[in-house]
Amino acid sequence: MKPYEILLVEDSAGDVLLTKEAFRMALGDKVELFAVKDGMVAMDYLDERGPGKDIPFPSLILLDLNLPRKNGIEVLQEIKGDKRSQHLPVIILSTSSNRREIRKCYDLGANSYLVKPLDFDEFVEMVRRLDQFWFNSNILPFNPEEG
């Protein structure tokens, strides 16, 4: 089976390393995690993939909100407003637990909102739960087996 491709949109190099390590520890080679550092690069990445392209969309996106150039809210709006990507699962992965911000993300079509755990072991466990739901229980609109 091909690994699931996840796009991580995160500007903090430390958080990228932490997230990659948590995924590696929790899931091994079950997923390929591609990281981009801002919203503009994320949209460029998606423009190169999808229907009519040789490279499929990622299976899901992990999106930070506080990004340079184009913030996570703007990225979410663009993804959900584009017919080619509107069904792409977007999981907000943020340090913020602000209720208004969370509500806004859901109003714009976020599929889930996760607060980054401070403890690494808790982060690894969150990745395992994410895997259990998104890759074992849920049926994704973009399946790596379909190319």
N, C-alpha and C. Protein backbone atom coordinates (compact mmCIF):
# COMPACT_ATOMS: atom_id res chain seq x y z
N MET A 1 0.83 -1.19 0.00
CA MET A 1 0.00 0.00 0.00
C MET A 1 0.87 1.25 0.00
N LYS A 2 0.52 2.21 -0.83
CA LYS A 2 1.23 3.49 -0.85
C LYS A 2 1.00 4.20 0.48
N PRO A 3 1.98 4.97 0.94
CA PRO A 3 1.74 5.76 2.15
C PRO A 3 0.76 6.90 1.88
N TYR A 4 0.03 7.27 2.91
CA TYR A 4 -0.83 8.44 2.81
C TYR A 4 0.06 9.67 2.79
N GLU A 5 -0.27 10.63 1.95
CA GLU A 5 0.50 11.86 1.86
C GLU A 5 -0.22 12.93 2.67
N ILE A 6 0.51 13.54 3.59
CA ILE A 6 -0.02 14.61 4.42
C ILE A 6 0.78 15.87 4.14
N LEU A 7 0.06 16.96 3.92
CA LEU A 7 0.71 18.25 3.76
C LEU A 7 0.64 18.98 5.11
N LEU A 8 1.78 19.28 5.67
CA LEU A 8 1.89 20.05 6.91
C LEU A 8 2.24 21.48 6.54
N VAL A 9 1.37 22.41 6.92
CA VAL A 9 1.62 23.83 6.65
C VAL A 9 1.96 24.46 8.00
N GLU A 10 3.25 24.71 8.21
CA GLU A 10 3.76 25.13 9.51
C GLU A 10 5.01 25.96 9.31
N ASP A 11 5.05 27.16 9.90
CA ASP A 11 6.21 28.03 9.72
C ASP A 11 7.31 27.82 10.74
N SER A 12 7.04 27.15 11.83
CA SER A 12 8.05 26.93 12.86
C SER A 12 8.85 25.66 12.55
N ALA A 13 10.16 25.85 12.30
CA ALA A 13 11.02 24.71 11.99
C ALA A 13 11.02 23.70 13.14
N GLY A 14 10.96 24.19 14.37
CA GLY A 14 10.92 23.29 15.53
C GLY A 14 9.65 22.46 15.56
N ASP A 15 8.52 23.09 15.25
CA ASP A 15 7.25 22.35 15.23
C ASP A 15 7.20 21.36 14.07
N VAL A 16 7.83 21.70 12.95
CA VAL A 16 7.90 20.75 11.83
C VAL A 16 8.68 19.52 12.26
N LEU A 17 9.85 19.71 12.88
CA LEU A 17 10.66 18.58 13.33
C LEU A 17 9.91 17.74 14.36
N LEU A 18 9.26 18.40 15.31
CA LEU A 18 8.48 17.71 16.33
C LEU A 18 7.35 16.89 15.70
N THR A 19 6.64 17.48 14.75
CA THR A 19 5.53 16.80 14.10
C THR A 19 6.03 15.61 13.29
N LYS A 20 7.09 15.81 12.53
CA LYS A 20 7.65 14.70 11.74
C LYS A 20 8.08 13.55 12.64
N GLU A 21 8.72 13.87 13.75
CA GLU A 21 9.17 12.83 14.67
C GLU A 21 7.98 12.11 15.32
N ALA A 22 6.96 12.84 15.70
CA ALA A 22 5.77 12.21 16.29
C ALA A 22 5.11 11.27 15.28
N PHE A 23 5.02 11.68 14.02
CA PHE A 23 4.45 10.81 12.99
C PHE A 23 5.33 9.59 12.76
N ARG A 24 6.63 9.80 12.73
CA ARG A 24 7.55 8.67 12.54
C ARG A 24 7.41 7.66 13.66
N MET A 25 7.36 8.15 14.90
CA MET A 25 7.25 7.25 16.05
C MET A 25 5.90 6.54 16.09
N ALA A 26 4.85 7.26 15.76
CA ALA A 26 3.50 6.69 15.86
C ALA A 26 3.15 5.79 14.67
N LEU A 27 3.61 6.16 13.47
CA LEU A 27 3.11 5.49 12.27
C LEU A 27 4.17 4.90 11.36
N GLY A 28 5.43 5.14 11.64
CA GLY A 28 6.48 4.60 10.78
C GLY A 28 6.36 5.15 9.37
N ASP A 29 6.32 4.25 8.40
CA ASP A 29 6.27 4.68 7.00
C ASP A 29 4.86 4.64 6.42
N LYS A 30 3.86 4.65 7.27
CA LYS A 30 2.47 4.64 6.80
C LYS A 30 2.07 5.95 6.13
N VAL A 31 2.75 7.03 6.48
CA VAL A 31 2.46 8.34 5.89
C VAL A 31 3.75 8.99 5.39
N GLU A 32 3.59 9.84 4.39
CA GLU A 32 4.65 10.74 3.96
C GLU A 32 4.21 12.13 4.35
N LEU A 33 5.02 12.79 5.14
CA LEU A 33 4.69 14.13 5.62
C LEU A 33 5.53 15.14 4.84
N PHE A 34 4.85 16.01 4.09
CA PHE A 34 5.51 17.07 3.35
C PHE A 34 5.22 18.38 4.06
N ALA A 35 6.25 19.14 4.35
CA ALA A 35 6.08 20.39 5.09
C ALA A 35 6.37 21.58 4.21
N VAL A 36 5.51 22.59 4.32
CA VAL A 36 5.74 23.88 3.69
C VAL A 36 5.62 24.95 4.76
N LYS A 37 6.31 26.08 4.56
CA LYS A 37 6.46 27.04 5.65
C LYS A 37 5.49 28.21 5.65
N ASP A 38 4.67 28.36 4.60
CA ASP A 38 3.70 29.45 4.64
C ASP A 38 2.52 29.15 3.72
N GLY A 39 1.51 29.98 3.82
CA GLY A 39 0.27 29.76 3.08
C GLY A 39 0.42 29.90 1.58
N MET A 40 1.28 30.79 1.13
CA MET A 40 1.50 30.96 -0.31
C MET A 40 2.11 29.68 -0.90
N VAL A 41 3.10 29.14 -0.23
CA VAL A 41 3.75 27.91 -0.70
C VAL A 41 2.75 26.75 -0.66
N ALA A 42 1.90 26.72 0.36
CA ALA A 42 0.89 25.66 0.46
C ALA A 42 -0.04 25.68 -0.76
N MET A 43 -0.49 26.85 -1.15
CA MET A 43 -1.39 26.95 -2.30
C MET A 43 -0.67 26.60 -3.60
N ASP A 44 0.61 26.98 -3.71
CA ASP A 44 1.40 26.58 -4.88
C ASP A 44 1.54 25.06 -4.93
N TYR A 45 1.77 24.45 -3.78
CA TYR A 45 1.89 22.99 -3.68
C TYR A 45 0.61 22.32 -4.17
N LEU A 46 -0.53 22.83 -3.74
CA LEU A 46 -1.81 22.24 -4.14
C LEU A 46 -2.11 22.49 -5.62
N ASP A 47 -1.68 23.63 -6.14
CA ASP A 47 -1.91 23.93 -7.56
C ASP A 47 -1.20 22.94 -8.48
N GLU A 48 -0.14 22.33 -7.99
CA GLU A 48 0.62 21.36 -8.79
C GLU A 48 0.03 19.95 -8.71
N ARG A 49 -1.04 19.77 -7.92
CA ARG A 49 -1.60 18.45 -7.69
C ARG A 49 -3.08 18.42 -8.02
N GLY A 50 -3.62 17.21 -8.03
CA GLY A 50 -5.06 17.07 -8.14
C GLY A 50 -5.55 16.68 -9.51
N PRO A 51 -6.86 16.83 -9.72
CA PRO A 51 -7.49 16.38 -10.97
C PRO A 51 -6.80 16.97 -12.20
N GLY A 52 -6.46 16.10 -13.14
CA GLY A 52 -5.80 16.54 -14.35
C GLY A 52 -4.29 16.68 -14.22
N LYS A 53 -3.75 16.41 -13.05
CA LYS A 53 -2.31 16.51 -12.81
C LYS A 53 -1.74 15.11 -12.60
N ASP A 54 -0.43 14.98 -12.71
CA ASP A 54 0.22 13.69 -12.51
C ASP A 54 0.37 13.33 -11.04
N ILE A 55 0.32 14.32 -10.17
CA ILE A 55 0.54 14.11 -8.74
C ILE A 55 -0.78 14.28 -8.00
N PRO A 56 -1.21 13.27 -7.22
CA PRO A 56 -2.49 13.39 -6.53
C PRO A 56 -2.44 14.39 -5.37
N PHE A 57 -3.63 14.85 -4.99
CA PHE A 57 -3.74 15.68 -3.80
C PHE A 57 -3.24 14.90 -2.59
N PRO A 58 -2.78 15.60 -1.56
CA PRO A 58 -2.48 14.90 -0.31
C PRO A 58 -3.78 14.30 0.25
N SER A 59 -3.65 13.31 1.10
CA SER A 59 -4.82 12.69 1.72
C SER A 59 -5.49 13.65 2.69
N LEU A 60 -4.68 14.47 3.34
CA LEU A 60 -5.21 15.52 4.22
C LEU A 60 -4.15 16.57 4.48
N ILE A 61 -4.61 17.69 5.03
CA ILE A 61 -3.72 18.81 5.35
C ILE A 61 -3.77 19.07 6.84
N LEU A 62 -2.60 19.26 7.43
CA LEU A 62 -2.48 19.76 8.79
C LEU A 62 -2.08 21.22 8.65
N LEU A 63 -2.92 22.12 9.14
CA LEU A 63 -2.75 23.55 8.87
C LEU A 63 -2.62 24.35 10.16
N ASP A 64 -1.50 25.03 10.29
CA ASP A 64 -1.32 26.00 11.37
C ASP A 64 -2.04 27.28 10.97
N LEU A 65 -2.42 28.09 11.92
CA LEU A 65 -3.15 29.32 11.60
C LEU A 65 -2.26 30.54 11.48
N ASN A 66 -1.23 30.61 12.31
CA ASN A 66 -0.36 31.79 12.31
C ASN A 66 0.80 31.57 11.35
N LEU A 67 0.56 31.96 10.10
CA LEU A 67 1.54 31.75 9.04
C LEU A 67 1.91 33.08 8.39
N PRO A 68 3.14 33.18 7.88
CA PRO A 68 3.50 34.40 7.15
C PRO A 68 2.89 34.41 5.75
N ARG A 69 2.82 35.59 5.17
CA ARG A 69 2.38 35.87 3.80
C ARG A 69 0.89 35.58 3.57
N LYS A 70 0.42 34.39 3.89
CA LYS A 70 -0.99 34.05 3.78
C LYS A 70 -1.31 33.19 4.98
N ASN A 71 -2.18 33.70 5.89
CA ASN A 71 -2.41 32.97 7.13
C ASN A 71 -3.30 31.75 6.92
N GLY A 72 -3.41 30.93 7.95
CA GLY A 72 -4.16 29.69 7.86
C GLY A 72 -5.63 29.88 7.52
N ILE A 73 -6.24 30.94 8.02
CA ILE A 73 -7.65 31.23 7.70
C ILE A 73 -7.80 31.48 6.20
N GLU A 74 -6.89 32.24 5.63
CA GLU A 74 -6.94 32.52 4.19
C GLU A 74 -6.72 31.25 3.37
N VAL A 75 -5.79 30.41 3.81
CA VAL A 75 -5.54 29.14 3.12
C VAL A 75 -6.78 28.26 3.18
N LEU A 76 -7.38 28.16 4.36
CA LEU A 76 -8.59 27.36 4.54
C LEU A 76 -9.70 27.85 3.61
N GLN A 77 -9.90 29.17 3.56
CA GLN A 77 -10.92 29.74 2.68
C GLN A 77 -10.67 29.39 1.21
N GLU A 78 -9.41 29.47 0.80
CA GLU A 78 -9.09 29.16 -0.60
C GLU A 78 -9.32 27.69 -0.91
N ILE A 79 -8.88 26.83 -0.02
CA ILE A 79 -9.04 25.38 -0.25
C ILE A 79 -10.51 25.03 -0.33
N LYS A 80 -11.30 25.49 0.62
CA LYS A 80 -12.72 25.13 0.66
C LYS A 80 -13.54 25.88 -0.38
N GLY A 81 -13.00 26.96 -0.93
CA GLY A 81 -13.71 27.72 -1.96
C GLY A 81 -13.39 27.27 -3.38
N ASP A 82 -12.46 26.33 -3.52
CA ASP A 82 -12.05 25.85 -4.84
C ASP A 82 -12.65 24.47 -5.08
N LYS A 83 -13.37 24.32 -6.17
CA LYS A 83 -14.05 23.06 -6.48
C LYS A 83 -13.09 21.87 -6.53
N ARG A 84 -11.85 22.12 -6.96
CA ARG A 84 -10.86 21.03 -7.06
C ARG A 84 -10.42 20.51 -5.69
N SER A 85 -10.46 21.36 -4.68
CA SER A 85 -9.92 20.97 -3.37
C SER A 85 -10.93 21.04 -2.23
N GLN A 86 -12.17 21.41 -2.52
CA GLN A 86 -13.15 21.65 -1.45
C GLN A 86 -13.39 20.44 -0.55
N HIS A 87 -13.17 19.23 -1.06
CA HIS A 87 -13.40 18.03 -0.26
C HIS A 87 -12.14 17.53 0.43
N LEU A 88 -11.05 18.21 0.23
CA LEU A 88 -9.79 17.84 0.86
C LEU A 88 -9.89 18.08 2.37
N PRO A 89 -9.70 17.04 3.19
CA PRO A 89 -9.78 17.24 4.63
C PRO A 89 -8.68 18.18 5.15
N VAL A 90 -9.10 19.18 5.90
CA VAL A 90 -8.18 20.13 6.49
C VAL A 90 -8.34 20.06 8.01
N ILE A 91 -7.26 19.72 8.67
CA ILE A 91 -7.23 19.65 10.13
C ILE A 91 -6.38 20.82 10.61
N ILE A 92 -7.00 21.68 11.40
CA ILE A 92 -6.26 22.79 12.00
C ILE A 92 -5.43 22.22 13.14
N LEU A 93 -4.15 22.53 13.16
CA LEU A 93 -3.24 22.10 14.21
C LEU A 93 -2.59 23.36 14.76
N SER A 94 -3.09 23.81 15.91
CA SER A 94 -2.72 25.12 16.43
C SER A 94 -2.42 25.07 17.92
N THR A 95 -1.72 26.06 18.40
CA THR A 95 -1.52 26.18 19.85
C THR A 95 -2.69 26.90 20.50
N SER A 96 -3.52 27.54 19.71
CA SER A 96 -4.63 28.34 20.22
C SER A 96 -5.85 27.50 20.55
N SER A 97 -6.47 27.80 21.67
CA SER A 97 -7.75 27.16 22.02
C SER A 97 -8.83 28.24 22.14
N ASN A 98 -8.63 29.35 21.44
CA ASN A 98 -9.60 30.44 21.44
C ASN A 98 -10.89 29.98 20.78
N ARG A 99 -12.01 30.04 21.52
CA ARG A 99 -13.29 29.52 21.02
C ARG A 99 -13.77 30.24 19.77
N ARG A 100 -13.58 31.55 19.68
CA ARG A 100 -14.01 32.28 18.48
C ARG A 100 -13.21 31.84 17.25
N GLU A 101 -11.92 31.65 17.44
CA GLU A 101 -11.06 31.20 16.35
C GLU A 101 -11.45 29.78 15.90
N ILE A 102 -11.72 28.92 16.85
CA ILE A 102 -12.14 27.55 16.54
C ILE A 102 -13.45 27.57 15.76
N ARG A 103 -14.40 28.36 16.22
CA ARG A 103 -15.70 28.45 15.55
C ARG A 103 -15.53 28.97 14.12
N LYS A 104 -14.67 29.98 13.95
CA LYS A 104 -14.45 30.53 12.62
C LYS A 104 -13.89 29.45 11.69
N CYS A 105 -12.96 28.65 12.18
CA CYS A 105 -12.38 27.59 11.36
C CYS A 105 -13.45 26.59 10.92
N TYR A 106 -14.31 26.20 11.84
CA TYR A 106 -15.39 25.27 11.48
C TYR A 106 -16.38 25.93 10.52
N ASP A 107 -16.67 27.20 10.74
CA ASP A 107 -17.57 27.91 9.82
C ASP A 107 -17.02 27.94 8.40
N LEU A 108 -15.70 27.97 8.27
CA LEU A 108 -15.06 28.03 6.96
C LEU A 108 -14.82 26.64 6.35
N GLY A 109 -15.19 25.59 7.09
CA GLY A 109 -15.11 24.25 6.52
C GLY A 109 -14.00 23.37 7.04
N ALA A 110 -13.32 23.77 8.11
CA ALA A 110 -12.30 22.89 8.69
C ALA A 110 -12.97 21.57 9.09
N ASN A 111 -12.26 20.48 8.89
CA ASN A 111 -12.80 19.17 9.23
C ASN A 111 -12.53 18.77 10.66
N SER A 112 -11.53 19.40 11.25
CA SER A 112 -11.18 19.11 12.63
C SER A 112 -10.29 20.24 13.15
N TYR A 113 -10.25 20.39 14.46
CA TYR A 113 -9.40 21.41 15.08
C TYR A 113 -8.70 20.73 16.25
N LEU A 114 -7.39 20.65 16.18
CA LEU A 114 -6.60 20.02 17.23
C LEU A 114 -5.66 21.05 17.85
N VAL A 115 -5.58 21.04 19.17
CA VAL A 115 -4.63 21.90 19.87
C VAL A 115 -3.36 21.08 20.09
N LYS A 116 -2.24 21.66 19.68
CA LYS A 116 -0.95 20.96 19.79
C LYS A 116 -0.66 20.67 21.27
N PRO A 117 -0.44 19.42 21.59
CA PRO A 117 -0.06 19.11 22.98
C PRO A 117 1.34 19.65 23.29
N LEU A 118 1.55 20.03 24.53
CA LEU A 118 2.86 20.51 24.95
C LEU A 118 3.83 19.36 25.21
N ASP A 119 3.29 18.22 25.63
CA ASP A 119 4.09 17.05 25.96
C ASP A 119 4.27 16.18 24.70
N PHE A 120 5.51 15.77 24.42
CA PHE A 120 5.79 15.01 23.20
C PHE A 120 5.04 13.68 23.18
N ASP A 121 5.01 12.97 24.30
CA ASP A 121 4.30 11.69 24.34
C ASP A 121 2.81 11.88 24.05
N GLU A 122 2.24 12.97 24.53
CA GLU A 122 0.84 13.27 24.22
C GLU A 122 0.67 13.58 22.73
N PHE A 123 1.66 14.23 22.14
CA PHE A 123 1.63 14.52 20.71
C PHE A 123 1.63 13.21 19.91
N VAL A 124 2.50 12.27 20.28
CA VAL A 124 2.55 10.97 19.61
C VAL A 124 1.21 10.26 19.74
N GLU A 125 0.62 10.31 20.91
CA GLU A 125 -0.69 9.67 21.11
C GLU A 125 -1.77 10.36 20.27
N MET A 126 -1.72 11.66 20.15
CA MET A 126 -2.68 12.37 19.31
C MET A 126 -2.53 11.92 17.85
N VAL A 127 -1.29 11.73 17.39
CA VAL A 127 -1.05 11.24 16.03
C VAL A 127 -1.64 9.85 15.85
N ARG A 128 -1.49 9.00 16.85
CA ARG A 128 -2.08 7.65 16.77
C ARG A 128 -3.60 7.72 16.66
N ARG A 129 -4.22 8.60 17.42
CA ARG A 129 -5.68 8.75 17.35
C ARG A 129 -6.10 9.34 16.00
N LEU A 130 -5.32 10.29 15.50
CA LEU A 130 -5.58 10.86 14.18
C LEU A 130 -5.53 9.75 13.13
N ASP A 131 -4.52 8.91 13.21
CA ASP A 131 -4.39 7.78 12.28
C ASP A 131 -5.59 6.83 12.40
N GLN A 132 -5.96 6.51 13.62
CA GLN A 132 -7.07 5.58 13.82
C GLN A 132 -8.35 6.09 13.17
N PHE A 133 -8.62 7.37 13.33
CA PHE A 133 -9.84 7.91 12.73
C PHE A 133 -9.69 8.15 11.23
N TRP A 134 -8.71 8.99 10.84
CA TRP A 134 -8.63 9.44 9.45
C TRP A 134 -8.20 8.36 8.47
N PHE A 135 -7.35 7.42 8.91
CA PHE A 135 -6.82 6.44 7.97
C PHE A 135 -7.36 5.03 8.18
N ASN A 136 -8.05 4.78 9.28
CA ASN A 136 -8.59 3.44 9.53
C ASN A 136 -10.11 3.40 9.55
N SER A 137 -10.75 4.39 10.16
CA SER A 137 -12.21 4.40 10.27
C SER A 137 -12.87 5.20 9.16
N ASN A 138 -12.30 6.31 8.82
CA ASN A 138 -12.87 7.25 7.86
C ASN A 138 -12.51 6.85 6.43
N ILE A 139 -13.37 7.19 5.49
CA ILE A 139 -13.06 7.02 4.07
C ILE A 139 -12.71 8.39 3.51
N LEU A 140 -11.48 8.52 3.02
CA LEU A 140 -10.99 9.79 2.51
C LEU A 140 -11.41 10.02 1.06
N PRO A 141 -11.63 11.28 0.69
CA PRO A 141 -12.00 11.55 -0.70
C PRO A 141 -10.84 11.36 -1.68
N PHE A 142 -9.60 11.46 -1.20
CA PHE A 142 -8.42 11.28 -2.03
C PHE A 142 -7.61 10.13 -1.48
N ASN A 143 -7.67 8.99 -2.15
CA ASN A 143 -7.04 7.77 -1.68
C ASN A 143 -5.74 7.53 -2.45
N PRO A 144 -4.62 7.27 -1.74
CA PRO A 144 -3.36 7.07 -2.44
C PRO A 144 -3.38 5.85 -3.36
N GLU A 145 -4.23 4.90 -3.10
CA GLU A 145 -4.33 3.71 -3.95
C GLU A 145 -4.93 4.03 -5.31
N GLU A 146 -5.68 5.11 -5.39
CA GLU A 146 -6.32 5.49 -6.64
C GLU A 146 -5.42 6.33 -7.53
N GLY A 147 -4.23 6.70 -6.98
CA GLY A 147 -3.28 7.48 -7.77
C GLY A 147 -3.69 8.90 -7.81
